[in-house]
Amino acid sequence: MNEFFLIVGMAIVTFIIRYPVLGVSARIEMAPQFIQILRYVPPAVLMAIIAPAVLIPTGDKIDIITNPRLIGAIAAFVVGIWRQNLLLTISVGMIVFLICQLYM
């Protein structure tokens, strides 16, 4: 029961923090340069989340040669640049990761 109250409390705090900014954002005119800069925020956050999990999965050391996550990420990157298809990129990355994990 405590977990329920904890989740509800976090949801309320998150809503209270974010709603005023979203409500006022329609009235504020932002410079085109600022909007262009904001387009880089999601890829930067995604890289900050993914890079540690791919490069240091155990938290001990960087293992480049026998790291199935890194090999899958490299395969996904290559397919993503080559085909620019999100579903194909995710599928190839996961398949390469699973194959490498089975055989390494």
PDB file of N, CA and C in Angstrom:
ATOM      1  N   MET A   1       0.824  -1.198   0.000  1.00  0.00           N
ATOM      2  CA  MET A   1       0.000   0.000   0.000  1.00  0.00           C
ATOM      3  C   MET A   1       0.865   1.258   0.000  1.00  0.00           C
ATOM      4  N   ASN A   2       2.022   1.182   0.678  1.00  0.00           N
ATOM      5  CA  ASN A   2       2.913   2.334   0.697  1.00  0.00           C
ATOM      6  C   ASN A   2       3.431   2.659  -0.690  1.00  0.00           C
ATOM      7  N   GLU A   3       3.643   1.619  -1.524  1.00  0.00           N
ATOM      8  CA  GLU A   3       4.124   1.850  -2.883  1.00  0.00           C
ATOM      9  C   GLU A   3       3.104   2.632  -3.695  1.00  0.00           C
ATOM     10  N   PHE A   4       1.824   2.347  -3.479  1.00  0.00           N
ATOM     11  CA  PHE A   4       0.775   3.059  -4.191  1.00  0.00           C
ATOM     12  C   PHE A   4       0.829   4.543  -3.869  1.00  0.00           C
ATOM     13  N   PHE A   5       0.917   4.883  -2.579  1.00  0.00           N
ATOM     14  CA  PHE A   5       0.987   6.281  -2.181  1.00  0.00           C
ATOM     15  C   PHE A   5       2.264   6.951  -2.691  1.00  0.00           C
ATOM     16  N   LEU A   6       3.337   6.201  -2.719  1.00  0.00           N
ATOM     17  CA  LEU A   6       4.593   6.730  -3.241  1.00  0.00           C
ATOM     18  C   LEU A   6       4.463   7.070  -4.723  1.00  0.00           C
ATOM     19  N   ILE A   7       3.864   6.171  -5.510  1.00  0.00           N
ATOM     20  CA  ILE A   7       3.684   6.417  -6.940  1.00  0.00           C
ATOM     21  C   ILE A   7       2.737   7.589  -7.176  1.00  0.00           C
ATOM     22  N   VAL A   8       1.639   7.642  -6.441  1.00  0.00           N
ATOM     23  CA  VAL A   8       0.690   8.749  -6.587  1.00  0.00           C
ATOM     24  C   VAL A   8       1.362  10.064  -6.202  1.00  0.00           C
ATOM     25  N   GLY A   9       2.130  10.053  -5.132  1.00  0.00           N
ATOM     26  CA  GLY A   9       2.839  11.268  -4.721  1.00  0.00           C
ATOM     27  C   GLY A   9       3.838  11.742  -5.761  1.00  0.00           C
ATOM     28  N   MET A  10       4.581  10.803  -6.344  1.00  0.00           N
ATOM     29  CA  MET A  10       5.539  11.185  -7.382  1.00  0.00           C
ATOM     30  C   MET A  10       4.819  11.738  -8.602  1.00  0.00           C
ATOM     31  N   ALA A  11       3.670  11.154  -8.954  1.00  0.00           N
ATOM     32  CA  ALA A  11       2.897  11.651 -10.098  1.00  0.00           C
ATOM     33  C   ALA A  11       2.395  13.066  -9.839  1.00  0.00           C
ATOM     34  N   ILE A  12       1.928  13.326  -8.631  1.00  0.00           N
ATOM     35  CA  ILE A  12       1.440  14.670  -8.296  1.00  0.00           C
ATOM     36  C   ILE A  12       2.568  15.684  -8.331  1.00  0.00           C
ATOM     37  N   VAL A  13       3.702  15.347  -7.754  1.00  0.00           N
ATOM     38  CA  VAL A  13       4.850  16.263  -7.754  1.00  0.00           C
ATOM     39  C   VAL A  13       5.320  16.523  -9.186  1.00  0.00           C
ATOM     40  N   THR A  14       5.380  15.486 -10.001  1.00  0.00           N
ATOM     41  CA  THR A  14       5.798  15.659 -11.392  1.00  0.00           C
ATOM     42  C   THR A  14       4.825  16.558 -12.133  1.00  0.00           C
ATOM     43  N   PHE A  15       3.530  16.363 -11.921  1.00  0.00           N
ATOM     44  CA  PHE A  15       2.529  17.190 -12.574  1.00  0.00           C
ATOM     45  C   PHE A  15       2.641  18.644 -12.141  1.00  0.00           C
ATOM     46  N   ILE A  16       2.800  18.871 -10.838  1.00  0.00           N
ATOM     47  CA  ILE A  16       2.894  20.237 -10.313  1.00  0.00           C
ATOM     48  C   ILE A  16       4.131  20.946 -10.853  1.00  0.00           C
ATOM     49  N   ILE A  17       5.221  20.225 -11.007  1.00  0.00           N
ATOM     50  CA  ILE A  17       6.449  20.837 -11.506  1.00  0.00           C
ATOM     51  C   ILE A  17       6.340  21.168 -12.999  1.00  0.00           C
ATOM     52  N   ARG A  18       5.736  20.286 -13.790  1.00  0.00           N
ATOM     53  CA  ARG A  18       5.768  20.441 -15.241  1.00  0.00           C
ATOM     54  C   ARG A  18       4.597  21.213 -15.819  1.00  0.00           C
ATOM     55  N   TYR A  19       3.436  21.174 -15.193  1.00  0.00           N
ATOM     56  CA  TYR A  19       2.259  21.792 -15.793  1.00  0.00           C
ATOM     57  C   TYR A  19       2.379  23.302 -15.972  1.00  0.00           C
ATOM     58  N   PRO A  20       2.859  24.064 -14.995  1.00  0.00           N
ATOM     59  CA  PRO A  20       2.966  25.513 -15.219  1.00  0.00           C
ATOM     60  C   PRO A  20       3.862  25.871 -16.405  1.00  0.00           C
ATOM     61  N   VAL A  21       4.925  25.133 -16.592  1.00  0.00           N
ATOM     62  CA  VAL A  21       5.826  25.415 -17.713  1.00  0.00           C
ATOM     63  C   VAL A  21       5.110  25.147 -19.032  1.00  0.00           C
ATOM     64  N   LEU A  22       4.400  24.032 -19.117  1.00  0.00           N
ATOM     65  CA  LEU A  22       3.679  23.713 -20.349  1.00  0.00           C
ATOM     66  C   LEU A  22       2.525  24.680 -20.592  1.00  0.00           C
ATOM     67  N   GLY A  23       1.854  25.109 -19.532  1.00  0.00           N
ATOM     68  CA  GLY A  23       0.748  26.050 -19.681  1.00  0.00           C
ATOM     69  C   GLY A  23       1.197  27.407 -20.169  1.00  0.00           C
ATOM     70  N   VAL A  24       2.350  27.861 -19.733  1.00  0.00           N
ATOM     71  CA  VAL A  24       2.861  29.182 -20.115  1.00  0.00           C
ATOM     72  C   VAL A  24       3.605  29.128 -21.451  1.00  0.00           C
ATOM     73  N   SER A  25       4.066  27.957 -21.851  1.00  0.00           N
ATOM     74  CA  SER A  25       4.917  27.865 -23.040  1.00  0.00           C
ATOM     75  C   SER A  25       4.196  28.287 -24.324  1.00  0.00           C
ATOM     76  N   ALA A  26       2.882  28.182 -24.362  1.00  0.00           N
ATOM     77  CA  ALA A  26       2.153  28.598 -25.562  1.00  0.00           C
ATOM     78  C   ALA A  26       2.161  30.115 -25.711  1.00  0.00           C
ATOM     79  N   ARG A  27       2.308  30.833 -24.632  1.00  0.00           N
ATOM     80  CA  ARG A  27       2.292  32.302 -24.671  1.00  0.00           C
ATOM     81  C   ARG A  27       3.664  32.917 -24.902  1.00  0.00           C
ATOM     82  N   ILE A  28       4.704  32.126 -24.730  1.00  0.00           N
ATOM     83  CA  ILE A  28       6.064  32.646 -24.848  1.00  0.00           C
ATOM     84  C   ILE A  28       6.567  32.422 -26.265  1.00  0.00           C
ATOM     85  N   GLU A  29       7.097  33.458 -26.861  1.00  0.00           N
ATOM     86  CA  GLU A  29       7.688  33.369 -28.200  1.00  0.00           C
ATOM     87  C   GLU A  29       9.179  33.045 -28.038  1.00  0.00           C
ATOM     88  N   MET A  30       9.585  31.931 -28.609  1.00  0.00           N
ATOM     89  CA  MET A  30      10.985  31.525 -28.498  1.00  0.00           C
ATOM     90  C   MET A  30      11.711  31.837 -29.804  1.00  0.00           C
ATOM     91  N   ALA A  31      12.970  32.160 -29.666  1.00  0.00           N
ATOM     92  CA  ALA A  31      13.787  32.458 -30.840  1.00  0.00           C
ATOM     93  C   ALA A  31      13.998  31.185 -31.657  1.00  0.00           C
ATOM     94  N   PRO A  32      14.074  31.307 -32.976  1.00  0.00           N
ATOM     95  CA  PRO A  32      14.294  30.122 -33.809  1.00  0.00           C
ATOM     96  C   PRO A  32      15.591  29.390 -33.480  1.00  0.00           C
ATOM     97  N   GLN A  33      16.636  30.126 -33.065  1.00  0.00           N
ATOM     98  CA  GLN A  33      17.897  29.486 -32.699  1.00  0.00           C
ATOM     99  C   GLN A  33      17.715  28.619 -31.455  1.00  0.00           C
ATOM    100  N   PHE A  34      16.910  29.088 -30.509  1.00  0.00           N
ATOM    101  CA  PHE A  34      16.667  28.325 -29.290  1.00  0.00           C
ATOM    102  C   PHE A  34      15.877  27.052 -29.600  1.00  0.00           C
ATOM    103  N   ILE A  35      14.901  27.152 -30.466  1.00  0.00           N
ATOM    104  CA  ILE A  35      14.122  25.983 -30.873  1.00  0.00           C
ATOM    105  C   ILE A  35      15.016  24.985 -31.599  1.00  0.00           C
ATOM    106  N   GLN A  36      15.935  25.488 -32.414  1.00  0.00           N
ATOM    107  CA  GLN A  36      16.865  24.604 -33.119  1.00  0.00           C
ATOM    108  C   GLN A  36      17.792  23.895 -32.124  1.00  0.00           C
ATOM    109  N   ILE A  37      18.208  24.588 -31.094  1.00  0.00           N
ATOM    110  CA  ILE A  37      19.054  23.977 -30.064  1.00  0.00           C
ATOM    111  C   ILE A  37      18.281  22.904 -29.298  1.00  0.00           C
ATOM    112  N   LEU A  38      17.000  23.161 -29.021  1.00  0.00           N
ATOM    113  CA  LEU A  38      16.186  22.202 -28.278  1.00  0.00           C
ATOM    114  C   LEU A  38      15.982  20.894 -29.028  1.00  0.00           C
ATOM    115  N   ARG A  39      16.145  20.890 -30.326  1.00  0.00           N
ATOM    116  CA  ARG A  39      15.996  19.660 -31.100  1.00  0.00           C
ATOM    117  C   ARG A  39      17.098  18.656 -30.794  1.00  0.00           C
ATOM    118  N   TYR A  40      18.205  19.101 -30.221  1.00  0.00           N
ATOM    119  CA  TYR A  40      19.303  18.204 -29.883  1.00  0.00           C
ATOM    120  C   TYR A  40      19.152  17.589 -28.493  1.00  0.00           C
ATOM    121  N   VAL A  41      18.184  18.030 -27.717  1.00  0.00           N
ATOM    122  CA  VAL A  41      18.026  17.523 -26.349  1.00  0.00           C
ATOM    123  C   VAL A  41      17.637  16.039 -26.324  1.00  0.00           C
ATOM    124  N   PRO A  42      16.614  15.581 -27.059  1.00  0.00           N
ATOM    125  CA  PRO A  42      16.277  14.146 -26.987  1.00  0.00           C
ATOM    126  C   PRO A  42      17.408  13.207 -27.395  1.00  0.00           C
ATOM    127  N   PRO A  43      18.147  13.461 -28.508  1.00  0.00           N
ATOM    128  CA  PRO A  43      19.265  12.558 -28.799  1.00  0.00           C
ATOM    129  C   PRO A  43      20.353  12.583 -27.731  1.00  0.00           C
ATOM    130  N   ALA A  44      20.604  13.741 -27.142  1.00  0.00           N
ATOM    131  CA  ALA A  44      21.636  13.827 -26.104  1.00  0.00           C
ATOM    132  C   ALA A  44      21.221  13.047 -24.856  1.00  0.00           C
ATOM    133  N   VAL A  45      19.963  13.154 -24.465  1.00  0.00           N
ATOM    134  CA  VAL A  45      19.482  12.413 -23.300  1.00  0.00           C
ATOM    135  C   VAL A  45      19.493  10.909 -23.582  1.00  0.00           C
ATOM    136  N   LEU A  46      19.082  10.528 -24.781  1.00  0.00           N
ATOM    137  CA  LEU A  46      19.090   9.114 -25.150  1.00  0.00           C
ATOM    138  C   LEU A  46      20.509   8.550 -25.115  1.00  0.00           C
ATOM    139  N   MET A  47      21.473   9.293 -25.617  1.00  0.00           N
ATOM    140  CA  MET A  47      22.867   8.844 -25.572  1.00  0.00           C
ATOM    141  C   MET A  47      23.369   8.734 -24.136  1.00  0.00           C
ATOM    142  N   ALA A  48      22.957   9.666 -23.282  1.00  0.00           N
ATOM    143  CA  ALA A  48      23.384   9.613 -21.880  1.00  0.00           C
ATOM    144  C   ALA A  48      22.815   8.390 -21.170  1.00  0.00           C
ATOM    145  N   ILE A  49      21.669   7.918 -21.615  1.00  0.00           N
ATOM    146  CA  ILE A  49      21.074   6.729 -21.010  1.00  0.00           C
ATOM    147  C   ILE A  49      21.691   5.461 -21.590  1.00  0.00           C
ATOM    148  N   ILE A  50      21.882   5.431 -22.907  1.00  0.00           N
ATOM    149  CA  ILE A  50      22.311   4.214 -23.594  1.00  0.00           C
ATOM    150  C   ILE A  50      23.810   3.958 -23.463  1.00  0.00           C
ATOM    151  N   ALA A  51      24.633   4.979 -23.548  1.00  0.00           N
ATOM    152  CA  ALA A  51      26.085   4.797 -23.584  1.00  0.00           C
ATOM    153  C   ALA A  51      26.632   4.009 -22.385  1.00  0.00           C
ATOM    154  N   PRO A  52      26.269   4.321 -21.153  1.00  0.00           N
ATOM    155  CA  PRO A  52      26.806   3.514 -20.049  1.00  0.00           C
ATOM    156  C   PRO A  52      26.335   2.056 -20.096  1.00  0.00           C
ATOM    157  N   ALA A  53      25.089   1.831 -20.509  1.00  0.00           N
ATOM    158  CA  ALA A  53      24.582   0.457 -20.565  1.00  0.00           C
ATOM    159  C   ALA A  53      25.258  -0.348 -21.658  1.00  0.00           C
ATOM    160  N   VAL A  54      25.657   0.318 -22.742  1.00  0.00           N
ATOM    161  CA  VAL A  54      26.302  -0.385 -23.853  1.00  0.00           C
ATOM    162  C   VAL A  54      27.794  -0.565 -23.596  1.00  0.00           C
ATOM    163  N   LEU A  55      28.452   0.468 -23.125  1.00  0.00           N
ATOM    164  CA  LEU A  55      29.903   0.407 -22.971  1.00  0.00           C
ATOM    165  C   LEU A  55      30.353  -0.321 -21.712  1.00  0.00           C
ATOM    166  N   ILE A  56      29.630  -0.155 -20.622  1.00  0.00           N
ATOM    167  CA  ILE A  56      30.031  -0.770 -19.359  1.00  0.00           C
ATOM    168  C   ILE A  56      28.827  -1.504 -18.766  1.00  0.00           C
ATOM    169  N   PRO A  57      28.414  -2.645 -19.349  1.00  0.00           N
ATOM    170  CA  PRO A  57      27.212  -3.322 -18.859  1.00  0.00           C
ATOM    171  C   PRO A  57      27.344  -3.893 -17.452  1.00  0.00           C
ATOM    172  N   THR A  58      28.535  -4.286 -17.056  1.00  0.00           N
ATOM    173  CA  THR A  58      28.718  -4.855 -15.720  1.00  0.00           C
ATOM    174  C   THR A  58      29.117  -3.811 -14.690  1.00  0.00           C
ATOM    175  N   GLY A  59      29.559  -2.661 -15.143  1.00  0.00           N
ATOM    176  CA  GLY A  59      29.989  -1.612 -14.234  1.00  0.00           C
ATOM    177  C   GLY A  59      31.430  -1.732 -13.814  1.00  0.00           C
ATOM    178  N   ASP A  60      32.127  -2.777 -14.256  1.00  0.00           N
ATOM    179  CA  ASP A  60      33.508  -2.991 -13.835  1.00  0.00           C
ATOM    180  C   ASP A  60      34.519  -2.404 -14.807  1.00  0.00           C
ATOM    181  N   LYS A  61      34.458  -2.873 -16.057  1.00  0.00           N
ATOM    182  CA  LYS A  61      35.461  -2.465 -17.035  1.00  0.00           C
ATOM    183  C   LYS A  61      34.816  -2.415 -18.414  1.00  0.00           C
ATOM    184  N   ILE A  62      35.493  -1.751 -19.315  1.00  0.00           N
ATOM    185  CA  ILE A  62      35.026  -1.680 -20.691  1.00  0.00           C
ATOM    186  C   ILE A  62      35.596  -2.870 -21.447  1.00  0.00           C
ATOM    187  N   ASP A  63      34.713  -3.740 -21.923  1.00  0.00           N
ATOM    188  CA  ASP A  63      35.103  -4.924 -22.675  1.00  0.00           C
ATOM    189  C   ASP A  63      34.602  -4.745 -24.108  1.00  0.00           C
ATOM    190  N   ILE A  64      35.491  -4.340 -25.000  1.00  0.00           N
ATOM    191  CA  ILE A  64      35.093  -3.980 -26.355  1.00  0.00           C
ATOM    192  C   ILE A  64      34.902  -5.199 -27.245  1.00  0.00           C
ATOM    193  N   ILE A  65      35.755  -6.186 -27.153  1.00  0.00           N
ATOM    194  CA  ILE A  65      35.740  -7.296 -28.107  1.00  0.00           C
ATOM    195  C   ILE A  65      34.600  -8.271 -27.831  1.00  0.00           C
ATOM    196  N   THR A  66      34.335  -8.602 -26.595  1.00  0.00           N
ATOM    197  CA  THR A  66      33.317  -9.604 -26.283  1.00  0.00           C
ATOM    198  C   THR A  66      32.070  -8.987 -25.654  1.00  0.00           C
ATOM    199  N   ASN A  67      31.738  -7.784 -26.024  1.00  0.00           N
ATOM    200  CA  ASN A  67      30.562  -7.104 -25.494  1.00  0.00           C
ATOM    201  C   ASN A  67      29.419  -7.207 -26.504  1.00  0.00           C
ATOM    202  N   PRO A  68      28.426  -8.086 -26.276  1.00  0.00           N
ATOM    203  CA  PRO A  68      27.335  -8.233 -27.242  1.00  0.00           C
ATOM    204  C   PRO A  68      26.478  -6.981 -27.373  1.00  0.00           C
ATOM    205  N   ARG A  69      26.379  -6.200 -26.314  1.00  0.00           N
ATOM    206  CA  ARG A  69      25.597  -4.958 -26.390  1.00  0.00           C
ATOM    207  C   ARG A  69      26.256  -3.950 -27.326  1.00  0.00           C
ATOM    208  N   LEU A  70      27.567  -3.856 -27.256  1.00  0.00           N
ATOM    209  CA  LEU A  70      28.280  -2.930 -28.135  1.00  0.00           C
ATOM    210  C   LEU A  70      28.193  -3.375 -29.594  1.00  0.00           C
ATOM    211  N   ILE A  71      28.318  -4.671 -29.829  1.00  0.00           N
ATOM    212  CA  ILE A  71      28.231  -5.182 -31.205  1.00  0.00           C
ATOM    213  C   ILE A  71      26.828  -4.952 -31.759  1.00  0.00           C
ATOM    214  N   GLY A  72      25.804  -5.198 -30.955  1.00  0.00           N
ATOM    215  CA  GLY A  72      24.430  -4.928 -31.386  1.00  0.00           C
ATOM    216  C   GLY A  72      24.187  -3.450 -31.636  1.00  0.00           C
ATOM    217  N   ALA A  73      24.756  -2.588 -30.795  1.00  0.00           N
ATOM    218  CA  ALA A  73      24.592  -1.152 -30.979  1.00  0.00           C
ATOM    219  C   ALA A  73      25.284  -0.673 -32.246  1.00  0.00           C
ATOM    220  N   ILE A  74      26.460  -1.221 -32.535  1.00  0.00           N
ATOM    221  CA  ILE A  74      27.169  -0.847 -33.766  1.00  0.00           C
ATOM    222  C   ILE A  74      26.381  -1.305 -34.985  1.00  0.00           C
ATOM    223  N   ALA A  75      25.832  -2.538 -34.933  1.00  0.00           N
ATOM    224  CA  ALA A  75      25.012  -3.030 -36.047  1.00  0.00           C
ATOM    225  C   ALA A  75      23.771  -2.161 -36.230  1.00  0.00           C
ATOM    226  N   ALA A  76      23.123  -1.791 -35.132  1.00  0.00           N
ATOM    227  CA  ALA A  76      21.941  -0.934 -35.217  1.00  0.00           C
ATOM    228  C   ALA A  76      22.304   0.440 -35.778  1.00  0.00           C
ATOM    229  N   PHE A  77      23.442   0.967 -35.374  1.00  0.00           N
ATOM    230  CA  PHE A  77      23.880   2.274 -35.876  1.00  0.00           C
ATOM    231  C   PHE A  77      24.109   2.233 -37.383  1.00  0.00           C
ATOM    232  N   VAL A  78      24.789   1.189 -37.842  1.00  0.00           N
ATOM    233  CA  VAL A  78      25.079   1.072 -39.273  1.00  0.00           C
ATOM    234  C   VAL A  78      23.789   0.942 -40.072  1.00  0.00           C
ATOM    235  N   VAL A  79      22.875   0.080 -39.608  1.00  0.00           N
ATOM    236  CA  VAL A  79      21.605  -0.092 -40.324  1.00  0.00           C
ATOM    237  C   VAL A  79      20.769   1.188 -40.255  1.00  0.00           C
ATOM    238  N   GLY A  80      20.810   1.878 -39.125  1.00  0.00           N
ATOM    239  CA  GLY A  80      20.067   3.130 -38.992  1.00  0.00           C
ATOM    240  C   GLY A  80      20.557   4.205 -39.939  1.00  0.00           C
ATOM    241  N   ILE A  81      21.861   4.320 -40.089  1.00  0.00           N
ATOM    242  CA  ILE A  81      22.411   5.305 -41.031  1.00  0.00           C
ATOM    243  C   ILE A  81      22.123   4.892 -42.469  1.00  0.00           C
ATOM    244  N   TRP A  82      22.235   3.593 -42.734  1.00  0.00           N
ATOM    245  CA  TRP A  82      22.092   3.089 -44.100  1.00  0.00           C
ATOM    246  C   TRP A  82      20.643   3.136 -44.579  1.00  0.00           C
ATOM    247  N   ARG A  83      19.698   2.608 -43.791  1.00  0.00           N
ATOM    248  CA  ARG A  83      18.319   2.470 -44.246  1.00  0.00           C
ATOM    249  C   ARG A  83      17.377   3.548 -43.716  1.00  0.00           C
ATOM    250  N   GLN A  84      17.705   4.166 -42.607  1.00  0.00           N
ATOM    251  CA  GLN A  84      16.874   5.180 -41.948  1.00  0.00           C
ATOM    252  C   GLN A  84      15.453   4.670 -41.716  1.00  0.00           C
ATOM    253  N   ASN A  85      15.367   3.464 -41.185  1.00  0.00           N
ATOM    254  CA  ASN A  85      14.100   2.819 -40.864  1.00  0.00           C
ATOM    255  C   ASN A  85      14.184   2.385 -39.407  1.00  0.00           C
ATOM    256  N   LEU A  86      13.356   2.972 -38.568  1.00  0.00           N
ATOM    257  CA  LEU A  86      13.462   2.743 -37.127  1.00  0.00           C
ATOM    258  C   LEU A  86      13.176   1.290 -36.757  1.00  0.00           C
ATOM    259  N   LEU A  87      12.126   0.710 -37.311  1.00  0.00           N
ATOM    260  CA  LEU A  87      11.782  -0.672 -36.977  1.00  0.00           C
ATOM    261  C   LEU A  87      12.882  -1.636 -37.408  1.00  0.00           C
ATOM    262  N   LEU A  88      13.420  -1.444 -38.592  1.00  0.00           N
ATOM    263  CA  LEU A  88      14.518  -2.290 -39.070  1.00  0.00           C
ATOM    264  C   LEU A  88      15.761  -2.113 -38.199  1.00  0.00           C
ATOM    265  N   THR A  89      16.051  -0.898 -37.815  1.00  0.00           N
ATOM    266  CA  THR A  89      17.211  -0.616 -36.970  1.00  0.00           C
ATOM    267  C   THR A  89      17.102  -1.332 -35.625  1.00  0.00           C
ATOM    268  N   ILE A  90      15.953  -1.214 -34.991  1.00  0.00           N
ATOM    269  CA  ILE A  90      15.754  -1.869 -33.698  1.00  0.00           C
ATOM    270  C   ILE A  90      15.817  -3.385 -33.846  1.00  0.00           C
ATOM    271  N   SER A  91      15.177  -3.901 -34.893  1.00  0.00           N
ATOM    272  CA  SER A  91      15.150  -5.355 -35.105  1.00  0.00           C
ATOM    273  C   SER A  91      16.552  -5.911 -35.331  1.00  0.00           C
ATOM    274  N   VAL A  92      17.318  -5.277 -36.199  1.00  0.00           N
ATOM    275  CA  VAL A  92      18.673  -5.755 -36.479  1.00  0.00           C
ATOM    276  C   VAL A  92      19.543  -5.658 -35.230  1.00  0.00           C
ATOM    277  N   GLY A  93      19.451  -4.560 -34.505  1.00  0.00           N
ATOM    278  CA  GLY A  93      20.239  -4.416 -33.284  1.00  0.00           C
ATOM    279  C   GLY A  93      19.922  -5.486 -32.256  1.00  0.00           C
ATOM    280  N   MET A  94      18.638  -5.768 -32.070  1.00  0.00           N
ATOM    281  CA  MET A  94      18.248  -6.799 -31.104  1.00  0.00           C
ATOM    282  C   MET A  94      18.654  -8.194 -31.566  1.00  0.00           C
ATOM    283  N   ILE A  95      18.497  -8.485 -32.859  1.00  0.00           N
ATOM    284  CA  ILE A  95      18.869  -9.812 -33.372  1.00  0.00           C
ATOM    285  C   ILE A  95      20.369 -10.032 -33.245  1.00  0.00           C
ATOM    286  N   VAL A  96      21.162  -9.036 -33.625  1.00  0.00           N
ATOM    287  CA  VAL A  96      22.621  -9.161 -33.511  1.00  0.00           C
ATOM    288  C   VAL A  96      23.023  -9.301 -32.040  1.00  0.00           C
ATOM    289  N   PHE A  97      22.394  -8.535 -31.173  1.00  0.00           N
ATOM    290  CA  PHE A  97      22.689  -8.645 -29.745  1.00  0.00           C
ATOM    291  C   PHE A  97      22.374 -10.038 -29.216  1.00  0.00           C
ATOM    292  N   LEU A  98      21.202 -10.567 -29.566  1.00  0.00           N
ATOM    293  CA  LEU A  98      20.827 -11.890 -29.067  1.00  0.00           C
ATOM    294  C   LEU A  98      21.730 -12.989 -29.610  1.00  0.00           C
ATOM    295  N   ILE A  99      22.088 -12.902 -30.894  1.00  0.00           N
ATOM    296  CA  ILE A  99      23.006 -13.894 -31.475  1.00  0.00           C
ATOM    297  C   ILE A  99      24.369 -13.838 -30.793  1.00  0.00           C
ATOM    298  N   CYS A 100      24.876 -12.629 -30.615  1.00  0.00           N
ATOM    299  CA  CYS A 100      26.178 -12.483 -29.949  1.00  0.00           C
ATOM    300  C   CYS A 100      26.126 -12.959 -28.504  1.00  0.00           C
ATOM    301  N   GLN A 101      25.016 -12.708 -27.837  1.00  0.00           N
ATOM    302  CA  GLN A 101      24.895 -13.131 -26.442  1.00  0.00           C
ATOM    303  C   GLN A 101      24.833 -14.645 -26.327  1.00  0.00           C
ATOM    304  N   LEU A 102      24.216 -15.303 -27.309  1.00  0.00           N
ATOM    305  CA  LEU A 102      24.145 -16.761 -27.289  1.00  0.00           C
ATOM    306  C   LEU A 102      25.493 -17.415 -27.559  1.00  0.00           C
ATOM    307  N   TYR A 103      26.274 -16.824 -28.458  1.00  0.00           N
ATOM    308  CA  TYR A 103      27.517 -17.480 -28.908  1.00  0.00           C
ATOM    309  C   TYR A 103      28.774 -16.919 -28.290  1.00  0.00           C
ATOM    310  N   MET A 104      28.708 -15.924 -27.424  1.00  0.00           N
ATOM    311  CA  MET A 104      29.924 -15.382 -26.805  1.00  0.00           C
ATOM    312  C   MET A 104      30.010 -15.819 -25.363  1.00  0.00           C
TER     313      MET A 104
END
